[in-house]
């Protein structure tokens, strides 16, 4: 049986929603959003940071980089990709 959750799902959803809202409404204070919401709702900042990061992943990319969409591939030399054929 899994361990009981320390924080209710509703608190998690509300916390993430508040952080996202603060980031949109106050871009200059975006770096402090997690600590401010965590303190207000009595949630550990590291826990809230994990929730927000997971929400970002679940929602997908929110905006593109100035030069276009982010690339998840890296430029690897052909010798690393080539399979040796014997």
N, C-alpha and C. Protein backbone atom coordinates (compact mmCIF):
# COMPACT_ATOMS: atom_id res chain seq x y z
N UNK A 1 0.84 -1.17 0.00
CA UNK A 1 0.00 0.00 0.00
C UNK A 1 0.90 1.24 0.00
N UNK A 2 0.62 2.20 -0.90
CA UNK A 2 1.44 3.41 -0.95
C UNK A 2 1.23 4.28 0.29
N UNK A 3 2.25 5.05 0.58
CA UNK A 3 2.17 5.96 1.73
C UNK A 3 1.15 7.06 1.46
N UNK A 4 0.48 7.53 2.49
CA UNK A 4 -0.48 8.61 2.29
C UNK A 4 0.24 9.89 1.88
N UNK A 5 -0.42 10.69 1.07
CA UNK A 5 0.16 11.95 0.61
C UNK A 5 0.09 12.98 1.72
N UNK A 6 1.17 13.75 1.84
CA UNK A 6 1.23 14.76 2.89
C UNK A 6 0.34 15.95 2.55
N UNK A 7 0.29 16.29 1.27
CA UNK A 7 -0.49 17.45 0.83
C UNK A 7 -1.66 16.97 -0.04
N UNK A 8 -2.84 17.52 0.17
CA UNK A 8 -3.98 17.15 -0.68
C UNK A 8 -3.77 17.61 -2.12
N UNK A 9 -4.39 16.92 -3.05
CA UNK A 9 -4.27 17.24 -4.46
C UNK A 9 -4.77 18.65 -4.74
N UNK A 10 -5.83 19.07 -4.05
CA UNK A 10 -6.38 20.41 -4.25
C UNK A 10 -5.36 21.49 -3.90
N UNK A 11 -4.61 21.27 -2.82
CA UNK A 11 -3.58 22.23 -2.41
C UNK A 11 -2.48 22.29 -3.47
N UNK A 12 -2.10 21.14 -3.99
CA UNK A 12 -1.07 21.09 -5.03
C UNK A 12 -1.51 21.88 -6.26
N UNK A 13 -2.73 21.63 -6.71
CA UNK A 13 -3.23 22.32 -7.90
C UNK A 13 -3.34 23.82 -7.67
N UNK A 14 -3.84 24.21 -6.51
CA UNK A 14 -3.98 25.63 -6.18
C UNK A 14 -2.61 26.31 -6.12
N UNK A 15 -1.66 25.65 -5.50
CA UNK A 15 -0.31 26.21 -5.36
C UNK A 15 0.33 26.45 -6.72
N UNK A 16 0.24 25.47 -7.59
CA UNK A 16 0.83 25.60 -8.93
C UNK A 16 0.12 26.71 -9.70
N UNK A 17 -1.19 26.76 -9.59
CA UNK A 17 -1.96 27.80 -10.27
C UNK A 17 -1.55 29.19 -9.80
N UNK A 18 -1.34 29.35 -8.49
CA UNK A 18 -0.93 30.65 -7.95
C UNK A 18 0.46 31.05 -8.44
N UNK A 19 1.38 30.11 -8.49
CA UNK A 19 2.72 30.41 -8.98
C UNK A 19 2.67 30.84 -10.44
N UNK A 20 1.92 30.11 -11.25
CA UNK A 20 1.81 30.45 -12.67
C UNK A 20 1.17 31.83 -12.83
N UNK A 21 0.16 32.12 -12.05
CA UNK A 21 -0.51 33.42 -12.11
C UNK A 21 0.44 34.55 -11.72
N UNK A 22 1.20 34.35 -10.65
CA UNK A 22 2.16 35.37 -10.22
C UNK A 22 3.21 35.62 -11.29
N UNK A 23 3.67 34.56 -11.93
CA UNK A 23 4.69 34.71 -12.97
C UNK A 23 4.16 35.52 -14.15
N UNK A 24 2.87 35.31 -14.50
CA UNK A 24 2.28 36.06 -15.61
C UNK A 24 2.03 37.52 -15.24
N UNK A 25 1.50 37.74 -14.04
CA UNK A 25 1.10 39.09 -13.64
C UNK A 25 2.27 39.96 -13.20
N UNK A 26 3.29 39.35 -12.62
CA UNK A 26 4.43 40.10 -12.12
C UNK A 26 5.74 39.49 -12.62
N UNK A 27 6.06 39.69 -13.89
CA UNK A 27 7.27 39.07 -14.45
C UNK A 27 8.55 39.46 -13.72
N UNK A 28 8.58 40.66 -13.17
CA UNK A 28 9.78 41.11 -12.46
C UNK A 28 9.99 40.31 -11.17
N UNK A 29 8.92 39.78 -10.61
CA UNK A 29 9.00 39.02 -9.37
C UNK A 29 8.87 37.51 -9.61
N UNK A 30 9.00 37.07 -10.86
CA UNK A 30 8.81 35.66 -11.20
C UNK A 30 9.77 34.75 -10.43
N UNK A 31 10.98 35.22 -10.19
CA UNK A 31 11.96 34.40 -9.48
C UNK A 31 11.59 34.19 -8.01
N UNK A 32 10.71 35.03 -7.46
CA UNK A 32 10.31 34.90 -6.06
C UNK A 32 8.95 34.24 -5.91
N UNK A 33 8.29 33.92 -6.99
CA UNK A 33 6.92 33.40 -6.93
C UNK A 33 6.81 32.13 -6.10
N UNK A 34 7.72 31.20 -6.29
CA UNK A 34 7.64 29.93 -5.58
C UNK A 34 7.81 30.14 -4.08
N UNK A 35 8.80 30.92 -3.68
CA UNK A 35 9.02 31.12 -2.25
C UNK A 35 7.85 31.88 -1.60
N UNK A 36 7.28 32.84 -2.32
CA UNK A 36 6.16 33.60 -1.76
C UNK A 36 4.92 32.73 -1.59
N UNK A 37 4.59 31.94 -2.60
CA UNK A 37 3.42 31.07 -2.52
C UNK A 37 3.65 29.97 -1.48
N UNK A 38 4.84 29.42 -1.45
CA UNK A 38 5.15 28.37 -0.48
C UNK A 38 4.98 28.87 0.95
N UNK A 39 5.46 30.06 1.21
CA UNK A 39 5.33 30.62 2.55
C UNK A 39 3.85 30.88 2.89
N UNK A 40 3.11 31.41 1.92
CA UNK A 40 1.71 31.75 2.16
C UNK A 40 0.86 30.50 2.42
N UNK A 41 1.14 29.40 1.72
CA UNK A 41 0.32 28.20 1.85
C UNK A 41 0.95 27.14 2.75
N UNK A 42 2.07 27.48 3.37
CA UNK A 42 2.75 26.57 4.30
C UNK A 42 3.14 25.25 3.62
N UNK A 43 3.79 25.39 2.47
CA UNK A 43 4.31 24.25 1.72
C UNK A 43 5.81 24.47 1.59
N UNK A 44 6.58 23.41 1.67
CA UNK A 44 8.03 23.56 1.52
C UNK A 44 8.35 24.03 0.11
N UNK A 45 9.24 25.03 -0.03
CA UNK A 45 9.56 25.57 -1.36
C UNK A 45 10.09 24.52 -2.34
N UNK A 46 10.88 23.58 -1.87
CA UNK A 46 11.41 22.55 -2.77
C UNK A 46 10.29 21.66 -3.30
N UNK A 47 9.31 21.38 -2.46
CA UNK A 47 8.17 20.58 -2.90
C UNK A 47 7.37 21.33 -3.95
N UNK A 48 7.11 22.60 -3.69
CA UNK A 48 6.37 23.41 -4.65
C UNK A 48 7.13 23.55 -5.96
N UNK A 49 8.44 23.69 -5.88
CA UNK A 49 9.26 23.79 -7.09
C UNK A 49 9.12 22.53 -7.94
N UNK A 50 9.10 21.37 -7.29
CA UNK A 50 8.91 20.10 -8.02
C UNK A 50 7.54 20.06 -8.69
N UNK A 51 6.51 20.50 -7.97
CA UNK A 51 5.15 20.52 -8.53
C UNK A 51 5.09 21.43 -9.75
N UNK A 52 5.70 22.61 -9.65
CA UNK A 52 5.67 23.58 -10.75
C UNK A 52 6.45 23.04 -11.94
N UNK A 53 7.61 22.45 -11.69
CA UNK A 53 8.40 21.87 -12.78
C UNK A 53 7.62 20.77 -13.49
N UNK A 54 6.92 19.92 -12.71
CA UNK A 54 6.14 18.85 -13.30
C UNK A 54 4.98 19.41 -14.11
N UNK A 55 4.35 20.47 -13.61
CA UNK A 55 3.26 21.11 -14.35
C UNK A 55 3.77 21.69 -15.66
N UNK A 56 4.98 22.26 -15.65
CA UNK A 56 5.57 22.79 -16.88
C UNK A 56 5.78 21.68 -17.91
N UNK A 57 6.26 20.54 -17.44
CA UNK A 57 6.48 19.41 -18.33
C UNK A 57 5.15 18.88 -18.86
N UNK A 58 4.16 18.78 -17.99
CA UNK A 58 2.85 18.26 -18.40
C UNK A 58 2.16 19.17 -19.41
N UNK A 59 2.34 20.48 -19.28
CA UNK A 59 1.70 21.44 -20.18
C UNK A 59 2.44 21.58 -21.49
N UNK A 60 3.69 21.17 -21.54
CA UNK A 60 4.48 21.32 -22.75
C UNK A 60 5.10 22.69 -22.81
N UNK A 61 5.82 22.97 -23.89
CA UNK A 61 6.49 24.27 -24.00
C UNK A 61 5.46 25.40 -24.03
N UNK A 62 5.71 26.41 -23.22
CA UNK A 62 4.81 27.54 -23.13
C UNK A 62 5.13 28.58 -24.19
N UNK A 63 6.38 28.82 -24.42
CA UNK A 63 6.77 29.82 -25.42
C UNK A 63 8.04 29.34 -26.12
N UNK A 64 8.24 29.90 -27.28
CA UNK A 64 9.43 29.54 -28.05
C UNK A 64 10.57 30.48 -27.71
N UNK A 65 11.75 30.03 -27.94
CA UNK A 65 12.95 30.84 -27.77
C UNK A 65 12.95 31.91 -28.85
N UNK A 66 13.67 32.97 -28.63
CA UNK A 66 13.71 34.08 -29.59
C UNK A 66 14.16 33.62 -30.97
N UNK A 67 14.99 32.62 -31.03
CA UNK A 67 15.50 32.14 -32.32
C UNK A 67 14.69 30.97 -32.86
N UNK A 68 13.61 30.61 -32.23
CA UNK A 68 12.77 29.51 -32.70
C UNK A 68 12.59 28.48 -31.60
N UNK A 69 11.94 27.39 -31.91
CA UNK A 69 11.66 26.39 -30.89
C UNK A 69 12.95 25.74 -30.37
N UNK A 70 12.89 25.34 -29.13
CA UNK A 70 14.05 24.68 -28.53
C UNK A 70 14.28 23.33 -29.19
N UNK A 71 15.54 22.99 -29.32
CA UNK A 71 15.89 21.70 -29.91
C UNK A 71 16.34 20.77 -28.80
N UNK A 72 15.87 19.55 -28.85
CA UNK A 72 16.24 18.58 -27.83
C UNK A 72 17.33 17.65 -28.31
N UNK A 73 17.81 17.87 -29.50
CA UNK A 73 18.89 17.03 -30.01
C UNK A 73 20.19 17.78 -29.91
N UNK A 74 21.26 17.08 -29.92
CA UNK A 74 22.56 17.73 -29.89
C UNK A 74 23.36 17.27 -31.09
N UNK A 75 24.31 18.05 -31.44
CA UNK A 75 25.12 17.76 -32.59
C UNK A 75 26.22 16.79 -32.17
N UNK A 76 26.12 15.57 -32.64
CA UNK A 76 27.07 14.53 -32.27
C UNK A 76 27.84 14.12 -33.52
N UNK A 77 29.12 13.92 -33.35
CA UNK A 77 29.94 13.54 -34.50
C UNK A 77 29.49 12.18 -35.04
N UNK A 78 29.65 11.94 -36.33
CA UNK A 78 29.22 10.68 -36.94
C UNK A 78 29.86 9.45 -36.31
N UNK A 79 31.08 9.59 -35.79
CA UNK A 79 31.74 8.42 -35.21
C UNK A 79 30.99 7.92 -33.98
N UNK A 80 30.28 8.78 -33.30
CA UNK A 80 29.51 8.36 -32.14
C UNK A 80 28.23 7.65 -32.54
N UNK A 81 27.70 8.01 -33.69
CA UNK A 81 26.44 7.44 -34.13
C UNK A 81 26.62 6.17 -34.97
N UNK A 82 27.76 6.02 -35.58
CA UNK A 82 27.97 4.90 -36.49
C UNK A 82 28.11 3.60 -35.72
N UNK A 83 27.42 2.60 -36.21
CA UNK A 83 27.57 1.27 -35.63
C UNK A 83 28.64 0.53 -36.42
N UNK A 84 29.47 -0.16 -35.70
CA UNK A 84 30.53 -0.89 -36.42
C UNK A 84 29.92 -2.10 -37.09
N UNK A 85 30.20 -2.24 -38.35
CA UNK A 85 29.69 -3.37 -39.13
C UNK A 85 30.86 -4.32 -39.36
N UNK A 86 30.70 -5.54 -38.89
CA UNK A 86 31.79 -6.51 -39.05
C UNK A 86 31.45 -7.54 -40.06
